[in-house]
N, C-alpha and C. Protein backbone atom coordinates (compact mmCIF):
# COMPACT_ATOMS: atom_id res chain seq x y z
N MET A 1 -7.82 34.29 8.77
CA MET A 1 -8.27 33.20 7.92
C MET A 1 -9.31 32.39 8.69
N THR A 2 -10.45 32.22 8.10
CA THR A 2 -11.52 31.47 8.71
C THR A 2 -11.28 29.98 8.52
N VAL A 3 -11.57 29.21 9.56
CA VAL A 3 -11.35 27.76 9.51
C VAL A 3 -12.65 27.04 9.78
N ASN A 4 -12.95 26.08 8.94
CA ASN A 4 -14.12 25.24 9.12
C ASN A 4 -13.64 23.95 9.78
N HIS A 5 -14.12 23.65 10.96
CA HIS A 5 -13.67 22.47 11.70
C HIS A 5 -14.06 21.17 11.02
N ALA A 6 -14.98 21.18 10.08
CA ALA A 6 -15.47 19.96 9.46
C ALA A 6 -14.60 19.48 8.31
N SER A 7 -13.70 20.30 7.80
CA SER A 7 -12.91 19.90 6.64
C SER A 7 -11.43 19.83 6.99
N VAL A 8 -10.70 19.08 6.17
CA VAL A 8 -9.25 18.97 6.33
C VAL A 8 -8.62 20.11 5.55
N LEU A 9 -7.77 20.87 6.21
CA LEU A 9 -7.07 21.96 5.55
C LEU A 9 -5.91 21.39 4.74
N THR A 10 -5.62 22.01 3.62
CA THR A 10 -4.63 21.46 2.70
C THR A 10 -3.21 21.97 2.96
N LYS A 11 -2.28 21.29 2.34
CA LYS A 11 -0.87 21.70 2.41
C LYS A 11 -0.73 23.11 1.86
N ASP A 12 -1.39 23.40 0.74
CA ASP A 12 -1.31 24.73 0.14
C ASP A 12 -1.85 25.81 1.07
N TYR A 13 -2.90 25.50 1.81
CA TYR A 13 -3.44 26.44 2.80
C TYR A 13 -2.35 26.78 3.81
N PHE A 14 -1.67 25.76 4.32
CA PHE A 14 -0.66 25.99 5.35
C PHE A 14 0.59 26.67 4.79
N ILE A 15 0.93 26.40 3.53
CA ILE A 15 2.05 27.11 2.92
C ILE A 15 1.74 28.61 2.89
N ALA A 16 0.54 28.96 2.45
CA ALA A 16 0.14 30.37 2.42
C ALA A 16 0.11 30.96 3.83
N TYR A 17 -0.43 30.21 4.78
CA TYR A 17 -0.53 30.68 6.17
C TYR A 17 0.86 30.91 6.77
N LEU A 18 1.77 29.95 6.57
CA LEU A 18 3.13 30.09 7.13
C LEU A 18 3.89 31.23 6.45
N LYS A 19 3.73 31.39 5.15
CA LYS A 19 4.38 32.51 4.45
C LYS A 19 3.86 33.84 4.98
N LEU A 20 2.56 33.90 5.22
CA LEU A 20 1.97 35.13 5.79
C LEU A 20 2.59 35.44 7.14
N ILE A 21 2.73 34.45 7.98
CA ILE A 21 3.35 34.65 9.30
C ILE A 21 4.79 35.10 9.14
N MET A 22 5.54 34.42 8.28
CA MET A 22 6.97 34.76 8.12
C MET A 22 7.15 36.17 7.57
N ASN A 23 6.32 36.54 6.60
CA ASN A 23 6.45 37.88 6.01
C ASN A 23 5.98 38.99 6.93
N SER A 24 4.84 38.79 7.55
CA SER A 24 4.28 39.87 8.37
C SER A 24 5.02 40.06 9.69
N ARG A 25 5.57 38.98 10.23
CA ARG A 25 6.24 39.07 11.53
C ARG A 25 7.76 38.96 11.42
N GLU A 26 8.23 38.78 10.17
CA GLU A 26 9.66 38.61 9.92
C GLU A 26 10.22 37.44 10.73
N TYR A 27 9.49 36.33 10.70
CA TYR A 27 9.88 35.11 11.41
C TYR A 27 10.60 34.16 10.47
N THR A 28 11.45 33.33 11.05
CA THR A 28 12.02 32.20 10.32
C THR A 28 10.94 31.13 10.22
N LEU A 29 11.22 30.09 9.46
CA LEU A 29 10.25 29.00 9.35
C LEU A 29 10.05 28.33 10.71
N VAL A 30 11.10 28.17 11.46
CA VAL A 30 10.99 27.55 12.79
C VAL A 30 10.11 28.39 13.70
N GLU A 31 10.31 29.70 13.68
CA GLU A 31 9.48 30.59 14.50
C GLU A 31 8.03 30.58 14.04
N ALA A 32 7.82 30.55 12.72
CA ALA A 32 6.46 30.51 12.19
C ALA A 32 5.76 29.21 12.57
N LYS A 33 6.51 28.11 12.53
CA LYS A 33 5.94 26.82 12.92
C LYS A 33 5.51 26.85 14.39
N GLU A 34 6.36 27.38 15.25
CA GLU A 34 6.03 27.47 16.67
C GLU A 34 4.83 28.38 16.91
N PHE A 35 4.80 29.50 16.20
CA PHE A 35 3.67 30.42 16.33
C PHE A 35 2.37 29.74 15.90
N ALA A 36 2.39 29.06 14.75
CA ALA A 36 1.20 28.38 14.25
C ALA A 36 0.75 27.28 15.20
N PHE A 37 1.71 26.56 15.77
CA PHE A 37 1.35 25.50 16.71
C PHE A 37 0.64 26.08 17.92
N ASP A 38 1.16 27.17 18.44
CA ASP A 38 0.56 27.79 19.63
C ASP A 38 -0.75 28.51 19.31
N PHE A 39 -0.75 29.30 18.24
CA PHE A 39 -1.90 30.14 17.93
C PHE A 39 -3.00 29.38 17.17
N PHE A 40 -2.63 28.70 16.11
CA PHE A 40 -3.60 28.04 15.26
C PHE A 40 -4.09 26.72 15.87
N PHE A 41 -3.14 25.89 16.29
CA PHE A 41 -3.49 24.58 16.84
C PHE A 41 -3.71 24.59 18.34
N LYS A 42 -3.55 25.74 18.96
CA LYS A 42 -3.76 25.89 20.42
C LYS A 42 -2.91 24.92 21.23
N GLY A 43 -1.69 24.64 20.72
CA GLY A 43 -0.76 23.76 21.42
C GLY A 43 -1.13 22.29 21.38
N ASP A 44 -2.08 21.93 20.52
CA ASP A 44 -2.54 20.54 20.42
C ASP A 44 -2.61 20.14 18.95
N MET A 45 -1.74 19.22 18.54
CA MET A 45 -1.69 18.85 17.12
C MET A 45 -2.96 18.16 16.64
N GLU A 46 -3.81 17.72 17.53
CA GLU A 46 -5.08 17.10 17.15
C GLU A 46 -6.27 18.05 17.37
N HIS A 47 -5.98 19.34 17.53
CA HIS A 47 -7.02 20.33 17.76
C HIS A 47 -8.08 20.30 16.65
N TYR A 48 -7.65 20.15 15.41
CA TYR A 48 -8.60 20.07 14.30
C TYR A 48 -8.81 18.63 13.87
N ASP A 49 -7.74 17.96 13.48
CA ASP A 49 -7.83 16.59 13.00
C ASP A 49 -6.41 16.13 12.69
N THR A 50 -6.16 14.85 12.81
CA THR A 50 -4.83 14.33 12.49
C THR A 50 -4.48 14.60 11.04
N SER A 51 -5.44 14.50 10.16
CA SER A 51 -5.19 14.75 8.73
C SER A 51 -4.76 16.20 8.49
N THR A 52 -5.36 17.12 9.20
CA THR A 52 -4.97 18.53 9.07
C THR A 52 -3.54 18.72 9.57
N TRP A 53 -3.19 18.07 10.66
CA TRP A 53 -1.83 18.16 11.18
C TRP A 53 -0.82 17.61 10.16
N LEU A 54 -1.15 16.51 9.51
CA LEU A 54 -0.25 15.93 8.50
C LEU A 54 -0.06 16.89 7.33
N GLN A 55 -1.11 17.60 6.94
CA GLN A 55 -0.98 18.60 5.88
C GLN A 55 -0.08 19.76 6.33
N PHE A 56 -0.18 20.13 7.58
CA PHE A 56 0.68 21.16 8.16
C PHE A 56 2.14 20.73 8.09
N GLU A 57 2.42 19.49 8.45
CA GLU A 57 3.79 18.97 8.40
C GLU A 57 4.32 18.93 6.96
N LYS A 58 3.48 18.54 6.01
CA LYS A 58 3.88 18.53 4.61
C LYS A 58 4.23 19.94 4.13
N ALA A 59 3.45 20.91 4.56
CA ALA A 59 3.72 22.30 4.19
C ALA A 59 5.07 22.76 4.73
N ILE A 60 5.36 22.40 5.95
CA ILE A 60 6.64 22.79 6.56
C ILE A 60 7.80 22.17 5.78
N LYS A 61 7.68 20.90 5.45
CA LYS A 61 8.74 20.22 4.68
C LYS A 61 8.95 20.87 3.33
N GLU A 62 7.86 21.20 2.65
CA GLU A 62 7.98 21.84 1.34
C GLU A 62 8.61 23.23 1.44
N LEU A 63 8.17 24.01 2.41
CA LEU A 63 8.76 25.34 2.60
C LEU A 63 10.23 25.24 2.98
N ASP A 64 10.58 24.26 3.80
CA ASP A 64 11.97 24.07 4.20
C ASP A 64 12.84 23.78 2.98
N LYS A 65 12.36 22.93 2.07
CA LYS A 65 13.10 22.63 0.83
C LYS A 65 13.25 23.88 -0.01
N THR A 66 12.18 24.65 -0.14
CA THR A 66 12.20 25.87 -0.95
C THR A 66 13.18 26.89 -0.38
N ILE A 67 13.13 27.07 0.92
CA ILE A 67 14.02 28.03 1.59
C ILE A 67 15.47 27.58 1.47
N SER A 68 15.72 26.28 1.63
CA SER A 68 17.08 25.74 1.52
C SER A 68 17.66 25.98 0.15
N LYS A 69 16.85 25.83 -0.90
CA LYS A 69 17.32 26.07 -2.28
C LYS A 69 17.68 27.53 -2.49
N ILE A 70 16.89 28.42 -1.89
CA ILE A 70 17.13 29.86 -2.03
C ILE A 70 18.44 30.26 -1.34
N GLU A 71 18.72 29.66 -0.20
CA GLU A 71 19.90 30.03 0.58
C GLU A 71 21.20 29.51 -0.01
N VAL A 72 21.14 28.49 -0.87
CA VAL A 72 22.36 27.90 -1.45
C VAL A 72 22.90 28.72 -2.55
């Protein structure tokens, strides 16, 4: 996925990105989050922009709710 450093990436972008990681690598959400932090953000939550990081966190929360509903 190509990233433009000038724009804020959306929650939906990160939902798709995290799902791709989870499906292709058979990772849990926690593992996908750690992978994205290391690989995508290069271990720095401000690597792109604080707004992008906040969208990433929103995506994680939404996926966590979705996964929790499926498991119940």
